[in-house]
Amino acid sequence: MTSVEKEAYIRLHTAVLIAGGTGLFGRLITIGELPLVCLRVILASLLLSALLGVQHKLHRMSRRHLLQIMGCGVLLSVHWVFFYGSIKAANVSIGAVCFALVGFFTAIIEPLLDRHRPSGRELLLGALSVLGIGLIYGLDARYRLGIALGIVSSLIYVFFSISTKRVQSSTGQSSSTMLLYEMIGGGMVLTLATPFYSALFPDVAIMPTPHDWMMLLLFSSVFTIAPFLLQLQALRHISAFTVNLTYNLEPVYTILLAMLIFGEASELSLAFYAGIALIIAAVLMQMGRR
């Protein structure tokens, strides 16, 4: 492993550690999942544009590149809507566990899009993660809607990750510029979708409380800009599959925090530890392949 790859892995695992706390905001913020994500990306884009403006790093780009990057942002925002919808329909643990399916889906979808044969090793590692997920949290009938939303969220994230890697490679834009216009693209689409969401779900809160605003500011800064900048930087030197597989550690951190803060489980079972062990083993074996 070269020094550049080692640095990329450090950035990646730092991003995953920070990202482990993002699922908690699905319960800490009371408004519905769509306005939650909409305000998250709008606030993040404002904060990031101010930061890049001070650093004189705001650059013009072609309309084609701009639309490509903003399109990736739409995928990301839609992923978030389903992810936080899963949390609100079930709980933090369900949403986090379903996200760990990303590695398995990537092992199947990425080869199809790139028109090459799937890697047996990657399929096996992804299957280990799926088994780990099953051990951590059984499919309870009470959480069927939350599980369904979580699975859709994972699928959308795979397309976002693969698309972002391709767009970043073809446009040559910096990670911070990519993230800024992804946030803007997602914010524009979700703003247009909010009235329809409100009409479909009139009982769901749209306007944030003062407490929600405090959480949203923290959410959109530390827990949005930081991990995704680190992830985009890592994607320059690490495959999308490896990034997504490593993100299987995110639900482990999220579940532990949910248990500690919200009391979502009274005790950690042997199956829980076995599931975590399988997920970590899959990540370590993938890193050992590099």
Protein backbone atom coordinates (compact mmCIF):
# COMPACT_ATOMS: atom_id res chain seq x y z
CA MET A 1 0.00 0.00 0.00
CA THR A 2 1.48 3.38 -1.03
CA SER A 3 1.58 6.43 1.22
CA VAL A 4 -1.15 8.05 -0.89
CA GLU A 5 -3.40 5.02 -0.40
CA LYS A 6 -2.69 4.98 3.34
CA GLU A 7 -3.69 8.63 3.58
CA ALA A 8 -6.85 7.90 1.60
CA TYR A 9 -7.78 5.11 4.03
CA ILE A 10 -7.22 7.42 7.02
CA ARG A 11 -9.53 10.02 5.46
CA LEU A 12 -12.10 7.35 4.70
CA HIS A 13 -12.21 5.90 8.20
CA THR A 14 -12.36 9.36 9.76
CA ALA A 15 -15.36 10.11 7.54
CA VAL A 16 -17.05 6.88 8.60
CA LEU A 17 -16.48 7.66 12.28
CA ILE A 18 -18.11 11.09 11.95
CA ALA A 19 -20.88 9.72 9.76
CA GLY A 20 -21.76 7.24 12.48
CA GLY A 21 -23.49 10.04 14.37
CA THR A 22 -25.64 11.29 11.49
CA GLY A 23 -28.44 8.76 11.94
CA LEU A 24 -29.17 10.12 15.41
CA PHE A 25 -30.44 13.37 13.93
CA GLY A 26 -33.37 11.47 12.43
CA ARG A 27 -34.76 11.31 15.96
CA LEU A 28 -33.26 14.47 17.40
CA ILE A 29 -34.93 16.63 14.71
CA THR A 30 -38.72 16.53 14.80
CA ILE A 31 -39.66 17.64 11.26
CA GLY A 32 -40.35 15.17 8.43
CA GLU A 33 -37.56 13.48 6.50
CA LEU A 34 -37.89 15.55 3.31
CA PRO A 35 -37.82 19.03 4.92
CA LEU A 36 -35.09 17.73 7.25
CA VAL A 37 -32.85 16.78 4.32
CA CYS A 38 -33.84 19.88 2.35
CA LEU A 39 -32.78 22.23 5.16
CA ARG A 40 -29.67 20.14 5.77
CA VAL A 41 -28.37 20.52 2.23
CA ILE A 42 -29.37 24.20 1.96
CA LEU A 43 -27.57 25.10 5.19
CA ALA A 44 -24.57 22.98 4.19
CA SER A 45 -24.35 24.70 0.80
CA LEU A 46 -24.50 28.16 2.43
CA LEU A 47 -21.80 27.28 4.96
CA LEU A 48 -19.56 25.64 2.36
CA SER A 49 -19.96 28.48 -0.17
CA ALA A 50 -18.98 30.99 2.54
CA LEU A 51 -15.94 28.89 3.46
CA LEU A 52 -14.82 28.51 -0.16
CA GLY A 53 -15.48 32.19 -0.83
CA VAL A 54 -13.17 33.25 1.99
CA GLN A 55 -10.52 30.87 0.63
CA HIS A 56 -11.07 32.17 -2.93
CA LYS A 57 -11.85 28.66 -4.13
CA LEU A 58 -15.17 29.34 -5.86
CA HIS A 59 -14.67 28.64 -9.58
CA ARG A 60 -16.88 28.75 -12.64
CA MET A 61 -17.40 25.58 -14.67
CA SER A 62 -19.16 24.49 -17.83
CA ARG A 63 -22.92 23.97 -17.73
CA ARG A 64 -22.44 20.29 -18.62
CA HIS A 65 -20.14 19.67 -15.66
CA LEU A 66 -22.41 21.67 -13.37
CA LEU A 67 -25.46 19.61 -14.31
CA GLN A 68 -23.54 16.35 -13.86
CA ILE A 69 -22.43 17.32 -10.36
CA MET A 70 -25.85 18.61 -9.37
CA GLY A 71 -27.37 15.38 -10.65
CA CYS A 72 -25.15 13.46 -8.23
CA GLY A 73 -26.40 15.76 -5.49
CA VAL A 74 -30.00 14.88 -6.31
CA LEU A 75 -29.18 11.18 -5.90
CA LEU A 76 -27.51 11.90 -2.58
CA SER A 77 -30.43 13.94 -1.27
CA VAL A 78 -33.01 11.36 -2.34
CA HIS A 79 -30.90 8.70 -0.60
CA TRP A 80 -31.00 10.79 2.57
CA VAL A 81 -34.77 11.24 2.36
CA PHE A 82 -35.29 7.46 2.27
CA PHE A 83 -32.64 6.91 4.95
CA TYR A 84 -34.25 9.29 7.43
CA GLY A 85 -37.66 8.06 6.38
CA SER A 86 -36.51 4.59 7.43
CA ILE A 87 -35.39 5.91 10.81
CA LYS A 88 -38.65 7.75 11.43
CA ALA A 89 -40.74 4.76 10.29
CA ALA A 90 -38.76 2.33 12.47
CA ASN A 91 -35.78 3.44 14.54
CA VAL A 92 -32.15 4.49 14.22
CA SER A 93 -30.86 0.92 14.35
CA ILE A 94 -33.06 -0.26 11.47
CA GLY A 95 -32.00 2.63 9.22
CA ALA A 96 -28.34 2.07 10.07
CA VAL A 97 -28.45 -1.69 9.54
CA CYS A 98 -30.14 -1.35 6.14
CA PHE A 99 -27.42 1.08 5.06
CA ALA A 100 -24.85 -1.68 5.51
CA LEU A 101 -26.39 -3.38 2.45
CA VAL A 102 -24.53 -0.84 0.31
CA GLY A 103 -21.41 -3.02 0.04
CA PHE A 104 -23.39 -6.01 -1.20
CA PHE A 105 -25.37 -3.97 -3.74
CA THR A 106 -22.17 -2.32 -5.02
CA ALA A 107 -20.57 -5.72 -5.66
CA ILE A 108 -23.47 -6.50 -8.00
CA ILE A 109 -24.30 -3.13 -9.60
CA GLU A 110 -20.83 -1.67 -10.25
CA PRO A 111 -19.69 -4.56 -12.50
CA LEU A 112 -22.95 -4.37 -14.44
CA LEU A 113 -22.50 -0.66 -15.12
CA ASP A 114 -18.82 -1.11 -15.99
CA ARG A 115 -19.64 -4.15 -18.18
CA HIS A 116 -17.30 -6.61 -16.55
CA ARG A 117 -17.78 -9.80 -14.58
CA PRO A 118 -18.55 -9.45 -10.88
CA SER A 119 -15.71 -10.26 -8.52
CA GLY A 120 -16.35 -13.45 -6.59
CA ARG A 121 -14.30 -12.03 -3.73
CA GLU A 122 -16.35 -8.84 -3.56
CA LEU A 123 -19.60 -10.81 -3.68
CA LEU A 124 -18.34 -13.00 -0.85
CA LEU A 125 -17.31 -10.02 1.26
CA GLY A 126 -20.63 -8.35 0.58
CA ALA A 127 -22.43 -11.54 1.56
CA LEU A 128 -20.50 -11.59 4.84
CA SER A 129 -21.79 -8.10 5.53
CA VAL A 130 -25.35 -9.17 4.76
CA LEU A 131 -24.97 -12.09 7.16
CA GLY A 132 -23.61 -9.72 9.78
CA ILE A 133 -26.60 -7.45 9.31
CA GLY A 134 -28.95 -10.38 9.77
CA LEU A 135 -27.22 -11.33 13.01
CA ILE A 136 -27.27 -7.79 14.37
CA TYR A 137 -30.92 -7.12 13.75
CA GLY A 138 -33.52 -9.67 12.71
CA LEU A 139 -36.27 -8.63 10.34
CA ASP A 140 -39.09 -7.75 12.73
CA ALA A 141 -42.55 -7.51 11.08
CA ARG A 142 -43.19 -4.29 13.02
CA TYR A 143 -40.48 -2.55 11.02
CA ARG A 144 -41.37 -3.64 7.48
CA LEU A 145 -41.91 -0.11 6.18
CA GLY A 146 -38.69 1.13 7.76
CA ILE A 147 -36.76 -1.82 6.31
CA ALA A 148 -38.21 -1.26 2.82
CA LEU A 149 -37.27 2.44 2.91
CA GLY A 150 -33.80 1.55 4.16
CA ILE A 151 -33.21 -0.93 1.33
CA VAL A 152 -34.24 1.67 -1.28
CA SER A 153 -31.95 4.17 0.44
CA SER A 154 -29.00 1.77 0.12
CA LEU A 155 -29.66 1.14 -3.56
CA ILE A 156 -29.80 4.86 -4.36
CA TYR A 157 -26.58 5.45 -2.45
CA VAL A 158 -24.77 2.88 -4.61
CA PHE A 159 -25.71 4.80 -7.76
CA PHE A 160 -24.66 8.06 -6.10
CA SER A 161 -21.26 6.69 -5.11
CA ILE A 162 -20.50 5.21 -8.53
CA SER A 163 -21.76 8.30 -10.37
CA THR A 164 -19.80 10.66 -8.16
CA LYS A 165 -16.55 8.80 -8.75
CA ARG A 166 -17.08 8.97 -12.52
CA VAL A 167 -18.13 12.63 -12.54
CA GLN A 168 -15.25 13.68 -10.32
CA SER A 169 -12.83 11.87 -12.60
CA SER A 170 -14.29 13.37 -15.80
CA THR A 171 -14.71 16.95 -14.55
CA GLY A 172 -11.50 17.18 -12.54
CA GLN A 173 -13.24 19.34 -9.92
CA SER A 174 -12.01 19.51 -6.33
CA SER A 175 -13.82 17.59 -3.61
CA SER A 176 -15.08 20.78 -1.98
CA THR A 177 -16.46 22.12 -5.28
CA MET A 178 -18.14 18.77 -5.95
CA LEU A 179 -19.79 18.79 -2.55
CA LEU A 180 -20.97 22.41 -2.84
CA TYR A 181 -22.79 21.89 -6.13
CA GLU A 182 -24.12 18.51 -5.02
CA MET A 183 -25.71 20.25 -2.03
CA ILE A 184 -27.11 23.00 -4.27
CA GLY A 185 -28.56 20.48 -6.73
CA GLY A 186 -30.19 18.44 -4.00
CA GLY A 187 -31.52 21.54 -2.25
CA MET A 188 -33.15 22.87 -5.42
CA VAL A 189 -34.97 19.61 -6.18
CA LEU A 190 -36.12 19.04 -2.59
CA THR A 191 -37.35 22.64 -2.29
CA LEU A 192 -39.55 22.06 -5.34
CA ALA A 193 -40.73 18.74 -3.89
CA THR A 194 -41.60 20.09 -0.44
CA PRO A 195 -45.12 21.42 -1.32
CA PHE A 196 -46.04 18.04 -2.81
CA TYR A 197 -44.65 16.26 0.25
CA SER A 198 -46.67 18.54 2.52
CA ALA A 199 -49.85 17.82 0.53
CA LEU A 200 -49.27 14.06 0.68
CA PHE A 201 -48.38 14.06 4.39
CA PRO A 202 -50.31 16.98 5.94
CA ASP A 203 -49.80 15.70 9.49
CA VAL A 204 -46.00 15.69 9.25
CA ALA A 205 -44.23 18.74 10.71
CA ILE A 206 -42.55 21.00 8.14
CA MET A 207 -41.42 24.02 10.20
CA PRO A 208 -38.47 23.47 12.58
CA THR A 209 -38.63 24.34 16.25
CA PRO A 210 -35.81 26.40 17.86
CA HIS A 211 -34.30 23.11 19.04
CA ASP A 212 -34.53 21.74 15.49
CA TRP A 213 -32.66 24.76 14.14
CA MET A 214 -29.81 24.19 16.60
CA MET A 215 -29.60 20.53 15.60
CA LEU A 216 -29.81 21.39 11.89
CA LEU A 217 -26.87 23.81 12.15
CA LEU A 218 -24.74 21.17 13.85
CA PHE A 219 -25.99 18.52 11.42
CA SER A 220 -25.27 20.54 8.27
CA SER A 221 -21.78 21.61 9.34
CA VAL A 222 -19.81 19.04 11.33
CA PHE A 223 -21.88 16.01 10.33
CA THR A 224 -22.38 16.83 6.64
CA ILE A 225 -19.51 18.83 5.19
CA ALA A 226 -16.65 17.11 7.04
CA PRO A 227 -17.38 13.42 6.31
CA PHE A 228 -18.34 13.94 2.68
CA LEU A 229 -15.29 16.02 1.87
CA LEU A 230 -13.15 13.28 3.35
CA GLN A 231 -15.06 10.62 1.43
CA LEU A 232 -14.77 12.43 -1.90
CA GLN A 233 -11.03 12.84 -1.34
CA ALA A 234 -10.69 9.13 -0.57
CA LEU A 235 -12.61 8.18 -3.74
CA ARG A 236 -9.75 9.61 -5.82
CA HIS A 237 -7.52 6.70 -4.79
CA ILE A 238 -9.89 3.96 -3.54
CA SER A 239 -12.55 2.05 -5.46
CA ALA A 240 -16.25 2.75 -4.90
CA PHE A 241 -16.70 -0.82 -3.64
CA THR A 242 -14.00 -0.42 -0.98
CA VAL A 243 -15.45 2.92 0.14
CA ASN A 244 -18.95 1.50 0.36
CA LEU A 245 -17.80 -1.66 2.13
CA THR A 246 -15.88 0.39 4.68
CA TYR A 247 -19.04 2.40 5.29
CA ASN A 248 -20.50 -0.83 6.68
CA LEU A 249 -18.76 0.27 9.89
CA GLU A 250 -21.04 3.33 10.03
CA PRO A 251 -24.12 1.41 11.23
CA VAL A 252 -22.01 -0.25 13.92
CA TYR A 253 -21.15 3.17 15.36
CA THR A 254 -24.69 4.43 14.83
CA ILE A 255 -26.32 1.47 16.57
CA LEU A 256 -23.99 1.74 19.56
CA LEU A 257 -24.77 5.46 19.89
CA ALA A 258 -28.52 4.81 19.51
CA MET A 259 -28.37 2.21 22.25
CA LEU A 260 -26.48 4.58 24.52
CA ILE A 261 -28.55 7.71 23.86
CA PHE A 262 -32.02 6.39 23.03
CA GLY A 263 -31.91 3.01 24.77
CA GLU A 264 -32.90 1.11 21.61
CA ALA A 265 -31.62 -2.14 23.07
CA SER A 266 -31.43 -3.14 26.71
CA GLU A 267 -28.40 -5.36 26.18
CA LEU A 268 -25.94 -6.48 23.53
CA SER A 269 -26.49 -10.11 22.56
CA LEU A 270 -23.95 -12.62 21.30
CA ALA A 271 -25.54 -12.29 17.85
CA PHE A 272 -24.86 -8.54 17.94
CA TYR A 273 -21.15 -9.06 18.57
CA ALA A 274 -21.02 -11.82 15.93
CA GLY A 275 -22.61 -9.51 13.37
CA ILE A 276 -20.19 -6.69 14.11
CA ALA A 277 -17.28 -9.15 13.84
CA LEU A 278 -18.43 -10.28 10.37
CA ILE A 279 -18.77 -6.71 9.10
CA ILE A 280 -15.35 -5.69 10.45
CA ALA A 281 -13.79 -8.87 9.02
CA ALA A 282 -15.21 -8.08 5.57
CA VAL A 283 -13.76 -4.56 5.72
CA LEU A 284 -10.33 -5.75 6.87
CA MET A 285 -10.16 -8.45 4.19
CA GLN A 286 -11.01 -5.89 1.52
CA MET A 287 -8.29 -3.56 2.80
CA GLY A 288 -5.83 -6.46 2.86
CA ARG A 289 -6.50 -6.97 -0.84
CA ARG A 290 -5.01 -3.56 -1.59
